Amino acid sequence: MPVFRNYAVFWALPLTDDSSCLDLFVDIGQAMLEAGAEIHRVEDTIFRLCHAYELGKADIFAIRSLVLVTVREDTGRLYTDSRRIYEIGTDMARLEELNSLSRYLCRERPGAEEISRRFRESMEKRPVPWWETMFGYMLAASSFACFFGGRLRDGAAAAVLGFLLFEMDRHMAGKTLQRFVYIAFCSVILGFLGVGCGMAGLGLLPDKIMIGTIMLLVPGMALMNSVRDMLNNNAINGLFSCIDAVLTAGAIAAGFAVPLLLGRI
């Protein structure tokens, strides 16, 4: 459920000096973090960009909600830039685009105007069509339902619910409800539909159908990143990510518990 900010305000700035390059590098770091990149990857990317452009000694501090960069020139002059991060999603295709852009910048070192143009193109590019994402939702839900003991008919019902979740993510995510409330809302809707499938007299197993759809909401990447951060001696980010994953799991459990209790499953 990725949410990305409008970067037009930064592209409109005059791009003529080192501070403009630094501003664009922090934009790249912000976009990577919002796309689901690890904290270490974001910090390392900004550091490499600053080093490639010889901006000076760079100190980068990033957490889930903030990217802060300070560059000190040999003359003692300081440049500081920061970005407040409001939402973090998962968009591996966009993250790969930004990684490719960063490698190109470090290798070729183009001017600030070209950096701005290429960054804008990367943010506007949609490498994965919506229908492929929809198919991924449906395939994942169906596969998990069958993997955990469901039959093909249960997998087909889970695929339908996966399609519904895709449509909710596409049209509602990040636009109306706070993220945890939105996850709980989706869980309630999908839970009631799963229970309804079991009561429809079609021989479907509602628990297997709901397991398939639950797996689409489980914050596996967030939990994995939190463990990686803690193993890399980055306890602050690791704890933040772990707490976020636990709260997300709690919202999922609370949402699915409502139809289960009411339906006596």
Protein backbone atom coordinates (compact mmCIF):
# COMPACT_ATOMS: atom_id res chain seq x y z
CA MET A 1 0.00 0.00 0.00
CA PRO A 2 2.55 2.57 -1.05
CA VAL A 3 1.95 6.30 -0.64
CA PHE A 4 4.19 8.78 -2.43
CA ARG A 5 4.43 12.53 -2.01
CA ASN A 6 4.38 15.21 -4.67
CA TYR A 7 7.93 16.19 -5.61
CA ALA A 8 7.05 19.05 -7.97
CA VAL A 9 8.02 21.66 -5.38
CA PHE A 10 11.61 20.39 -5.38
CA TRP A 11 11.90 20.22 -9.18
CA ALA A 12 10.96 23.89 -9.40
CA LEU A 13 14.02 24.98 -7.39
CA PRO A 14 16.98 26.50 -9.26
CA LEU A 15 19.55 23.78 -9.74
CA THR A 16 22.88 25.57 -9.86
CA ASP A 17 25.01 24.69 -6.80
CA ASP A 18 25.96 21.93 -4.40
CA SER A 19 22.97 22.59 -2.18
CA SER A 20 20.66 21.81 -5.12
CA CYS A 21 22.42 18.47 -5.70
CA LEU A 22 22.14 17.68 -2.00
CA ASP A 23 18.45 18.55 -2.10
CA LEU A 24 17.91 16.11 -4.96
CA PHE A 25 19.95 13.38 -3.24
CA VAL A 26 17.73 13.67 -0.17
CA ASP A 27 14.68 13.49 -2.46
CA ILE A 28 16.02 10.19 -3.79
CA GLY A 29 16.58 8.91 -0.27
CA GLN A 30 13.05 9.90 0.73
CA ALA A 31 11.55 8.14 -2.29
CA MET A 32 13.56 5.00 -1.56
CA LEU A 33 12.43 4.94 2.06
CA GLU A 34 8.79 5.42 1.05
CA ALA A 35 9.17 2.55 -1.42
CA GLY A 36 10.23 0.19 1.36
CA ALA A 37 14.04 0.37 1.27
CA GLU A 38 16.04 -0.59 4.35
CA ILE A 39 17.44 2.25 6.42
CA HIS A 40 21.01 1.14 5.74
CA ARG A 41 20.40 1.18 1.99
CA VAL A 42 19.00 4.72 2.13
CA GLU A 43 21.92 6.03 4.19
CA ASP A 44 24.49 4.25 2.02
CA THR A 45 22.93 5.56 -1.22
CA ILE A 46 22.95 9.19 -0.06
CA PHE A 47 26.52 8.82 1.24
CA ARG A 48 27.74 7.38 -2.06
CA LEU A 49 26.03 10.15 -4.04
CA CYS A 50 27.58 12.86 -1.87
CA HIS A 51 30.99 11.19 -2.16
CA ALA A 52 30.70 10.81 -5.96
CA TYR A 53 29.92 14.52 -6.34
CA GLU A 54 32.63 15.49 -3.83
CA LEU A 55 30.24 17.59 -1.79
CA GLY A 56 32.32 17.12 1.35
CA LYS A 57 32.08 15.03 4.49
CA ALA A 58 28.52 13.73 4.72
CA ASP A 59 26.72 12.66 7.89
CA ILE A 60 23.43 10.90 7.22
CA PHE A 61 20.84 9.96 9.82
CA ALA A 62 17.68 8.17 8.74
CA ILE A 63 14.82 6.61 10.62
CA ARG A 64 11.37 5.55 9.45
CA SER A 65 10.00 9.07 9.85
CA LEU A 66 13.00 11.29 9.01
CA VAL A 67 15.99 11.65 6.71
CA LEU A 68 18.59 14.17 7.87
CA VAL A 69 21.78 14.95 5.92
CA THR A 70 24.58 17.37 6.80
CA VAL A 71 27.52 17.99 4.47
CA ARG A 72 30.65 19.83 5.59
CA GLU A 73 32.92 21.31 2.92
CA ASP A 74 36.68 21.64 3.35
CA THR A 75 36.13 25.37 3.85
CA GLY A 76 33.93 24.65 6.85
CA ARG A 77 30.69 25.60 5.13
CA LEU A 78 27.74 23.40 6.07
CA TYR A 79 24.77 22.22 4.02
CA THR A 80 21.89 20.58 5.88
CA ASP A 81 18.75 19.10 4.40
CA SER A 82 15.98 16.94 5.85
CA ARG A 83 12.77 15.20 4.86
CA ARG A 84 9.85 14.19 7.07
CA ILE A 85 8.55 10.73 6.09
CA TYR A 86 4.84 10.20 6.65
CA GLU A 87 4.10 6.88 4.99
CA ILE A 88 6.17 3.83 4.06
CA GLY A 89 4.88 1.30 1.58
CA THR A 90 6.27 -1.49 -0.57
CA ASP A 91 7.03 -0.90 -4.21
CA MET A 92 9.94 -3.06 -5.33
CA ALA A 93 9.70 -1.93 -8.96
CA ARG A 94 10.09 1.73 -7.98
CA LEU A 95 12.89 0.85 -5.59
CA GLU A 96 14.76 -0.89 -8.40
CA GLU A 97 14.30 2.19 -10.59
CA LEU A 98 15.76 4.41 -7.88
CA ASN A 99 18.66 2.01 -7.29
CA SER A 100 19.46 2.08 -11.00
CA LEU A 101 19.27 5.87 -11.01
CA SER A 102 21.64 6.10 -8.03
CA ARG A 103 24.18 3.81 -9.68
CA TYR A 104 24.00 5.87 -12.87
CA LEU A 105 24.55 9.13 -10.97
CA CYS A 106 27.55 7.75 -9.11
CA ARG A 107 29.06 6.46 -12.35
CA GLU A 108 28.36 9.34 -14.77
CA ARG A 109 27.96 12.31 -12.37
CA PRO A 110 25.59 14.39 -14.57
CA GLY A 111 24.55 17.94 -13.72
CA ALA A 112 21.77 18.94 -11.37
CA GLU A 113 19.28 19.54 -14.18
CA GLU A 114 19.75 16.03 -15.54
CA ILE A 115 19.51 14.58 -12.03
CA SER A 116 16.19 16.37 -11.58
CA ARG A 117 14.90 15.19 -14.97
CA ARG A 118 15.88 11.56 -14.43
CA PHE A 119 14.48 11.55 -10.91
CA ARG A 120 11.18 12.94 -12.17
CA GLU A 121 11.04 10.25 -14.86
CA SER A 122 11.74 7.54 -12.29
CA MET A 123 8.93 8.79 -10.04
CA GLU A 124 6.46 9.07 -12.90
CA LYS A 125 7.32 5.70 -14.40
CA ARG A 126 5.02 2.80 -13.67
CA PRO A 127 7.10 -0.29 -14.56
CA VAL A 128 4.43 -2.75 -13.41
CA PRO A 129 0.97 -2.45 -15.02
CA TRP A 130 -1.98 -2.48 -12.66
CA TRP A 131 -3.29 -5.74 -14.06
CA GLU A 132 -0.03 -7.53 -13.19
CA THR A 133 -0.31 -6.30 -9.61
CA MET A 134 -3.92 -7.46 -9.52
CA PHE A 135 -2.89 -10.90 -10.78
CA GLY A 136 -0.21 -11.03 -8.06
CA TYR A 137 -2.81 -10.31 -5.36
CA MET A 138 -5.11 -13.02 -6.65
CA LEU A 139 -2.36 -15.58 -7.20
CA ALA A 140 -0.85 -15.02 -3.74
CA ALA A 141 -4.21 -15.27 -1.95
CA SER A 142 -5.15 -18.42 -3.88
CA SER A 143 -1.76 -20.06 -3.37
CA PHE A 144 -1.69 -19.45 0.38
CA ALA A 145 -5.25 -20.73 0.78
CA CYS A 146 -4.32 -23.98 -0.98
CA PHE A 147 -0.94 -24.22 0.77
CA PHE A 148 -2.56 -24.16 4.22
CA GLY A 149 -4.95 -27.00 3.45
CA GLY A 150 -7.63 -25.50 1.24
CA ARG A 151 -8.97 -27.00 -1.94
CA LEU A 152 -9.00 -25.47 -5.41
CA ARG A 153 -12.47 -24.03 -4.83
CA ASP A 154 -11.20 -22.37 -1.65
CA GLY A 155 -8.25 -21.00 -3.60
CA ALA A 156 -10.63 -19.56 -6.20
CA ALA A 157 -12.71 -17.87 -3.49
CA ALA A 158 -9.54 -16.48 -1.89
CA ALA A 159 -8.49 -15.12 -5.30
CA VAL A 160 -11.78 -13.21 -5.52
CA LEU A 161 -11.14 -11.68 -2.10
CA GLY A 162 -7.59 -10.89 -3.21
CA PHE A 163 -9.04 -8.98 -6.15
CA LEU A 164 -11.30 -7.05 -3.77
CA LEU A 165 -8.31 -6.15 -1.56
CA PHE A 166 -6.42 -4.97 -4.64
CA GLU A 167 -9.28 -2.64 -5.54
CA MET A 168 -9.44 -1.27 -1.98
CA ASP A 169 -5.67 -0.68 -1.96
CA ARG A 170 -5.87 0.94 -5.37
CA HIS A 171 -8.65 3.39 -4.56
CA MET A 172 -8.62 3.83 -0.79
CA ALA A 173 -5.15 3.24 0.67
CA GLY A 174 -3.61 6.41 2.08
CA LYS A 175 -6.50 8.63 0.98
CA THR A 176 -9.17 8.49 3.67
CA LEU A 177 -8.34 6.42 6.75
CA GLN A 178 -5.31 6.25 9.00
CA ARG A 179 -3.20 3.24 8.02
CA PHE A 180 -3.95 0.99 11.01
CA VAL A 181 -7.64 1.86 10.82
CA TYR A 182 -7.60 1.09 7.11
CA ILE A 183 -5.95 -2.30 7.70
CA ALA A 184 -8.51 -3.16 10.39
CA PHE A 185 -11.31 -2.03 8.06
CA CYS A 186 -10.03 -4.25 5.22
CA SER A 187 -9.69 -7.16 7.64
CA VAL A 188 -13.29 -6.78 8.83
CA ILE A 189 -14.64 -6.66 5.26
CA LEU A 190 -12.58 -9.62 4.09
CA GLY A 191 -13.41 -11.56 7.23
CA PHE A 192 -17.15 -11.13 6.77
CA LEU A 193 -16.87 -12.14 3.12
CA GLY A 194 -14.83 -15.21 4.08
CA VAL A 195 -17.43 -16.21 6.67
CA GLY A 196 -20.15 -15.56 4.09
CA CYS A 197 -18.42 -17.92 1.65
CA GLY A 198 -18.58 -20.65 4.29
CA MET A 199 -22.30 -20.04 4.92
CA ALA A 200 -23.24 -19.96 1.24
CA GLY A 201 -23.63 -23.73 1.06
CA LEU A 202 -20.93 -24.18 -1.59
CA GLY A 203 -18.75 -26.46 0.51
CA LEU A 204 -16.09 -23.81 1.02
CA LEU A 205 -13.79 -23.64 4.04
CA PRO A 206 -13.93 -20.08 5.41
CA ASP A 207 -10.81 -20.45 7.58
CA LYS A 208 -8.66 -21.42 4.57
CA ILE A 209 -10.09 -18.58 2.51
CA MET A 210 -9.36 -16.07 5.25
CA ILE A 211 -5.83 -17.41 5.75
CA GLY A 212 -5.13 -16.75 2.08
CA THR A 213 -6.29 -13.14 2.31
CA ILE A 214 -4.62 -12.53 5.69
CA MET A 215 -1.24 -13.33 4.15
CA LEU A 216 -1.65 -10.37 1.79
CA LEU A 217 -1.79 -8.03 4.80
CA VAL A 218 0.90 -9.57 7.01
CA PRO A 219 3.85 -7.09 7.33
CA GLY A 220 6.55 -9.63 6.54
CA MET A 221 8.97 -7.17 4.95
CA ALA A 222 8.65 -4.69 7.82
CA LEU A 223 9.41 -7.42 10.35
CA MET A 224 12.35 -8.69 8.30
CA ASN A 225 13.78 -5.17 8.00
CA SER A 226 13.40 -4.62 11.74
CA VAL A 227 15.44 -7.74 12.50
CA ARG A 228 18.08 -6.73 9.96
CA ASP A 229 18.34 -3.24 11.46
CA MET A 230 18.80 -4.62 14.96
CA LEU A 231 21.46 -7.06 13.74
CA ASN A 232 23.23 -4.10 12.10
CA ASN A 233 23.40 -2.30 15.49
CA ASN A 234 20.62 0.07 14.43
CA ALA A 235 18.38 -0.55 17.40
CA ILE A 236 16.25 2.60 17.04
CA ASN A 237 15.05 1.79 13.54
CA GLY A 238 14.77 -1.90 14.36
CA LEU A 239 12.49 -1.21 17.32
CA PHE A 240 10.42 1.31 15.35
CA SER A 241 9.88 -1.20 12.53
CA CYS A 242 9.16 -4.03 14.95
CA ILE A 243 6.56 -1.96 16.83
CA ASP A 244 4.96 -0.97 13.53
CA ALA A 245 4.81 -4.62 12.42
CA VAL A 246 3.28 -5.68 15.74
CA LEU A 247 0.66 -2.93 15.58
CA THR A 248 -0.16 -3.91 11.99
CA ALA A 249 -0.54 -7.54 13.03
CA GLY A 250 -2.78 -6.42 15.90
CA ALA A 251 -4.98 -4.44 13.49
CA ILE A 252 -5.28 -7.51 11.24
CA ALA A 253 -6.13 -9.78 14.17
CA ALA A 254 -8.71 -7.35 15.56
CA GLY A 255 -10.33 -6.93 12.16
CA PHE A 256 -10.67 -10.66 11.45
CA ALA A 257 -11.75 -11.39 15.03
CA VAL A 258 -15.02 -9.46 14.56
CA PRO A 259 -16.54 -11.72 11.86
CA LEU A 260 -15.10 -14.84 13.49
CA LEU A 261 -16.81 -14.04 16.80
CA LEU A 262 -20.07 -13.00 15.20
CA GLY A 263 -20.05 -15.96 12.80
CA ARG A 264 -19.09 -18.47 15.54
CA ILE A 265 -16.28 -19.89 13.37
